[in-house]
C-alpha atoms as a PDB file:
ATOM      1  CA  MET A   1     -11.522 -14.323  17.709  1.00  0.00           C
ATOM      2  CA  THR A   2     -13.488 -11.088  17.402  1.00  0.00           C
ATOM      3  CA  PHE A   3     -12.219  -8.196  15.301  1.00  0.00           C
ATOM      4  CA  PRO A   4     -13.331  -4.564  15.543  1.00  0.00           C
ATOM      5  CA  THR A   5     -15.818  -3.294  12.982  1.00  0.00           C
ATOM      6  CA  THR A   6     -13.707  -0.176  12.411  1.00  0.00           C
ATOM      7  CA  LEU A   7      -9.912  -0.324  12.441  1.00  0.00           C
ATOM      8  CA  VAL A   8      -7.809   2.287  14.222  1.00  0.00           C
ATOM      9  CA  PHE A   9      -4.163   3.277  13.942  1.00  0.00           C
ATOM     10  CA  ASN A  10      -1.754   1.459  16.263  1.00  0.00           C
ATOM     11  CA  VAL A  11       1.513   3.416  16.160  1.00  0.00           C
ATOM     12  CA  THR A  12       3.436   0.779  18.151  1.00  0.00           C
ATOM     13  CA  VAL A  13       2.630  -1.977  15.659  1.00  0.00           C
ATOM     14  CA  PHE A  14       3.261   0.375  12.735  1.00  0.00           C
ATOM     15  CA  ARG A  15       6.738   1.321  13.989  1.00  0.00           C
ATOM     16  CA  GLN A  16       7.515  -2.353  14.658  1.00  0.00           C
ATOM     17  CA  TYR A  17       6.630  -3.438  11.115  1.00  0.00           C
ATOM     18  CA  TYR A  18       8.144  -0.374   9.427  1.00  0.00           C
ATOM     19  CA  PRO A  19      11.323   0.512  11.361  1.00  0.00           C
ATOM     20  CA  GLU A  20      12.160   3.251   8.841  1.00  0.00           C
ATOM     21  CA  PHE A  21       9.557   5.334  10.698  1.00  0.00           C
ATOM     22  CA  GLY A  22      10.706   4.344  14.191  1.00  0.00           C
ATOM     23  CA  ASN A  23      12.391   7.657  15.029  1.00  0.00           C
ATOM     24  CA  GLU A  24       9.763   9.531  17.053  1.00  0.00           C
ATOM     25  CA  THR A  25      11.545  12.848  16.529  1.00  0.00           C
ATOM     26  CA  LEU A  26      11.489  12.600  12.734  1.00  0.00           C
ATOM     27  CA  PHE A  27       8.084  10.889  12.654  1.00  0.00           C
ATOM     28  CA  PRO A  28       5.933  12.052  15.567  1.00  0.00           C
ATOM     29  CA  THR A  29       2.857   9.988  16.327  1.00  0.00           C
ATOM     30  CA  THR A  30       0.605  12.885  15.310  1.00  0.00           C
ATOM     31  CA  THR A  31       2.219  13.001  11.853  1.00  0.00           C
ATOM     32  CA  LEU A  32       1.871   9.245  11.363  1.00  0.00           C
ATOM     33  CA  GLN A  33      -1.740   9.468  12.548  1.00  0.00           C
ATOM     34  CA  GLN A  34      -2.314  12.157   9.919  1.00  0.00           C
ATOM     35  CA  TYR A  35      -0.875   9.852   7.237  1.00  0.00           C
ATOM     36  CA  TRP A  36      -3.158   7.033   8.511  1.00  0.00           C
ATOM     37  CA  ASN A  37      -6.150   9.367   8.253  1.00  0.00           C
ATOM     38  CA  GLN A  38      -5.136  10.190   4.691  1.00  0.00           C
ATOM     39  CA  SER A  39      -4.740   6.460   3.974  1.00  0.00           C
ATOM     40  CA  SER A  40      -8.315   5.865   5.045  1.00  0.00           C
ATOM     41  CA  SER A  41      -9.372   8.034   2.096  1.00  0.00           C
ATOM     42  CA  TYR A  42      -7.993   5.283  -0.167  1.00  0.00           C
ATOM     43  CA  ILE A  43      -8.768   2.185   1.912  1.00  0.00           C
ATOM     44  CA  SER A  44     -11.804   2.018   4.163  1.00  0.00           C
ATOM     45  CA  THR A  45     -11.322   1.388   7.871  1.00  0.00           C
ATOM     46  CA  ALA A  46     -14.606  -0.550   7.912  1.00  0.00           C
ATOM     47  CA  ASN A  47     -13.586  -4.143   8.580  1.00  0.00           C
ATOM     48  CA  ARG A  48     -15.654  -6.016   5.990  1.00  0.00           C
ATOM     49  CA  GLY A  49     -15.531  -7.123   2.368  1.00  0.00           C
ATOM     50  CA  THR A  50     -12.660  -8.747   0.491  1.00  0.00           C
ATOM     51  CA  LEU A  51     -10.079  -7.164   2.772  1.00  0.00           C
ATOM     52  CA  ASN A  52     -10.847  -8.095   6.326  1.00  0.00           C
ATOM     53  CA  ASN A  53      -9.170  -8.525   9.680  1.00  0.00           C
ATOM     54  CA  VAL A  54      -5.382  -8.567   9.345  1.00  0.00           C
ATOM     55  CA  SER A  55      -5.361  -7.923   5.586  1.00  0.00           C
ATOM     56  CA  ARG A  56      -7.177  -4.584   5.898  1.00  0.00           C
ATOM     57  CA  GLN A  57      -4.929  -3.481   8.777  1.00  0.00           C
ATOM     58  CA  THR A  58      -1.868  -4.425   6.709  1.00  0.00           C
ATOM     59  CA  ALA A  59      -3.216  -2.573   3.671  1.00  0.00           C
ATOM     60  CA  LEU A  60      -3.862   0.566   5.728  1.00  0.00           C
ATOM     61  CA  ASN A  61      -0.398   0.375   7.287  1.00  0.00           C
ATOM     62  CA  LEU A  62       1.227  -0.090   3.864  1.00  0.00           C
ATOM     63  CA  MET A  63      -0.681   2.898   2.480  1.00  0.00           C
ATOM     64  CA  THR A  64       0.379   4.932   5.523  1.00  0.00           C
ATOM     65  CA  ALA A  65       4.025   3.945   4.986  1.00  0.00           C
ATOM     66  CA  HIS A  66       3.693   4.766   1.270  1.00  0.00           C
ATOM     67  CA  ILE A  67       2.328   8.246   2.006  1.00  0.00           C
ATOM     68  CA  ALA A  68       5.026   8.820   4.653  1.00  0.00           C
ATOM     69  CA  LYS A  69       7.742   7.793   2.166  1.00  0.00           C
ATOM     70  CA  ILE A  70       6.336  10.180  -0.458  1.00  0.00           C
ATOM     71  CA  ALA A  71       6.490  12.915   2.197  1.00  0.00           C
ATOM     72  CA  ILE A  72      10.173  12.067   2.785  1.00  0.00           C
ATOM     73  CA  PHE A  73      10.866  12.365  -0.946  1.00  0.00           C
ATOM     74  CA  ASN A  74       9.089  15.715  -1.069  1.00  0.00           C
ATOM     75  CA  SER A  75      10.938  17.088   1.973  1.00  0.00           C
ATOM     76  CA  GLN A  76      14.273  16.155   0.360  1.00  0.00           C
ATOM     77  CA  GLY A  77      13.323  17.821  -2.906  1.00  0.00           C
ATOM     78  CA  GLU A  78      13.166  14.509  -4.743  1.00  0.00           C
ATOM     79  CA  VAL A  79      10.553  13.603  -7.294  1.00  0.00           C
ATOM     80  CA  PRO A  80       9.241  10.114  -6.617  1.00  0.00           C
ATOM     81  CA  GLY A  81       9.212   7.998  -9.718  1.00  0.00           C
ATOM     82  CA  ILE A  82      10.217   4.782 -11.379  1.00  0.00           C
ATOM     83  CA  ILE A  83      13.807   5.016 -12.635  1.00  0.00           C
ATOM     84  CA  THR A  84      14.170   3.608 -16.151  1.00  0.00           C
ATOM     85  CA  ASP A  85      17.726   4.776 -16.905  1.00  0.00           C
ATOM     86  CA  SER A  86      20.634   6.277 -14.992  1.00  0.00           C
ATOM     87  CA  GLU A  87      24.161   7.479 -15.684  1.00  0.00           C
ATOM     88  CA  VAL A  88      27.008   8.163 -13.261  1.00  0.00           C
ATOM     89  CA  ASP A  89      29.187  10.644 -15.131  1.00  0.00           C
ATOM     90  CA  LYS A  90      27.340  13.899 -15.838  1.00  0.00           C
ATOM     91  CA  VAL A  91      24.507  12.629 -13.562  1.00  0.00           C
ATOM     92  CA  LYS A  92      21.580  11.620 -15.737  1.00  0.00           C
ATOM     93  CA  VAL A  93      18.472   9.954 -14.317  1.00  0.00           C
ATOM     94  CA  GLN A  94      15.458   9.122 -16.430  1.00  0.00           C
ATOM     95  CA  LEU A  95      12.071   8.485 -14.830  1.00  0.00           C
ATOM     96  CA  GLU A  96       9.121   6.678 -16.334  1.00  0.00           C
ATOM     97  CA  PRO A  97       6.313   9.133 -17.007  1.00  0.00           C
ATOM     98  CA  PRO A  98       2.966   8.359 -15.383  1.00  0.00           C
ATOM     99  CA  PRO A  99       0.973   6.097 -17.689  1.00  0.00           C
ATOM    100  CA  LEU A 100      -2.282   7.632 -18.803  1.00  0.00           C
ATOM    101  CA  PRO A 101      -4.535   4.572 -18.308  1.00  0.00           C
ATOM    102  CA  ASN A 102      -3.750   4.074 -14.610  1.00  0.00           C
ATOM    103  CA  GLN A 103      -2.224   6.892 -12.562  1.00  0.00           C
ATOM    104  CA  PHE A 104      -3.014   5.142  -9.260  1.00  0.00           C
ATOM    105  CA  ARG A 105      -0.943   2.078 -10.137  1.00  0.00           C
ATOM    106  CA  TRP A 106       1.968   4.313 -11.177  1.00  0.00           C
ATOM    107  CA  TRP A 107       1.700   6.300  -7.945  1.00  0.00           C
ATOM    108  CA  LEU A 108       1.773   3.140  -5.818  1.00  0.00           C
ATOM    109  CA  SER A 109       4.791   1.878  -7.781  1.00  0.00           C
ATOM    110  CA  THR A 110       6.918   4.828  -6.646  1.00  0.00           C
ATOM    111  CA  THR A 111       7.713   3.256  -3.236  1.00  0.00           C
ATOM    112  CA  VAL A 112       8.382  -0.281  -2.028  1.00  0.00           C
ATOM    113  CA  TYR A 113       5.435   0.028   0.364  1.00  0.00           C
ATOM    114  CA  GLY A 114       3.114   0.992  -2.472  1.00  0.00           C
ATOM    115  CA  GLN A 115       4.418  -1.889  -4.597  1.00  0.00           C
ATOM    116  CA  GLU A 116       3.701  -4.353  -1.799  1.00  0.00           C
ATOM    117  CA  LEU A 117       0.235  -2.868  -1.311  1.00  0.00           C
ATOM    118  CA  LEU A 118      -0.484  -3.048  -5.034  1.00  0.00           C
ATOM    119  CA  ALA A 119       0.526  -6.724  -5.134  1.00  0.00           C
ATOM    120  CA  MET A 120      -1.659  -7.482  -2.127  1.00  0.00           C
ATOM    121  CA  LEU A 121      -4.663  -5.642  -3.554  1.00  0.00           C
ATOM    122  CA  GLN A 122      -4.289  -7.411  -6.905  1.00  0.00           C
ATOM    123  CA  ILE A 123      -4.237 -10.821  -5.234  1.00  0.00           C
ATOM    124  CA  ARG A 124      -7.166 -10.006  -2.933  1.00  0.00           C
ATOM    125  CA  SER A 125      -9.297  -8.544  -5.730  1.00  0.00           C
ATOM    126  CA  VAL A 126      -9.224 -11.613  -7.984  1.00  0.00           C
ATOM    127  CA  GLY A 127     -12.760 -12.845  -8.312  1.00  0.00           C
ATOM    128  CA  GLY A 128     -14.108 -16.260  -9.006  1.00  0.00           C
ATOM    129  CA  PHE A 129     -14.530 -19.538  -7.277  1.00  0.00           C
ATOM    130  CA  TYR A 130     -11.832 -22.199  -7.167  1.00  0.00           C
ATOM    131  CA  THR A 131     -12.881 -25.823  -7.455  1.00  0.00           C
ATOM    132  CA  PRO A 132     -10.066 -28.350  -6.957  1.00  0.00           C
ATOM    133  CA  ALA A 133      -9.630 -31.225  -9.412  1.00  0.00           C
ATOM    134  CA  GLY A 134     -11.930 -34.151  -8.852  1.00  0.00           C
ATOM    135  CA  GLN A 135     -14.676 -32.089  -7.202  1.00  0.00           C
ATOM    136  CA  PRO A 136     -18.127 -31.509  -8.689  1.00  0.00           C
ATOM    137  CA  VAL A 137     -18.313 -28.236 -10.613  1.00  0.00           C
ATOM    138  CA  LEU A 138     -21.995 -27.514 -10.100  1.00  0.00           C
ATOM    139  CA  SER A 139     -21.341 -24.363  -8.077  1.00  0.00           C
ATOM    140  CA  ALA A 140     -18.394 -23.074 -10.106  1.00  0.00           C
ATOM    141  CA  PHE A 141     -18.544 -20.247 -12.617  1.00  0.00           C
ATOM    142  CA  ARG A 142     -19.182 -21.398 -16.157  1.00  0.00           C
ATOM    143  CA  PHE A 143     -18.335 -19.452 -19.282  1.00  0.00           C
END
């Protein structure tokens, strides 16, 4: 199977996988395309490297959904964040402040799409070479 060298946005597939953005009136194709373009500033559309084929397309779609969800929060006057405490009477909500060492991880953690993307990127970025038990270790990393 041959895959394109540069990935492009497929709105039909995106709406199928993320039905929250299925309403074409609330989420016109041009708006979703704009979010995809913004996503490509974070994740390259060049189909090579650790993320390739389906994984890169999924990562770009997750980032697009994450950015779209942040836009929903902003349009509703909500501040996206990780809730650490809440109270019903007298309405108190406490958000976790962005951690100084890694703002990007905090930002991705503010939506379920970003959390899924973060998990995927962490798994795909693990380096090393796995050698199953009983196999020669001549080509494995040694410390």
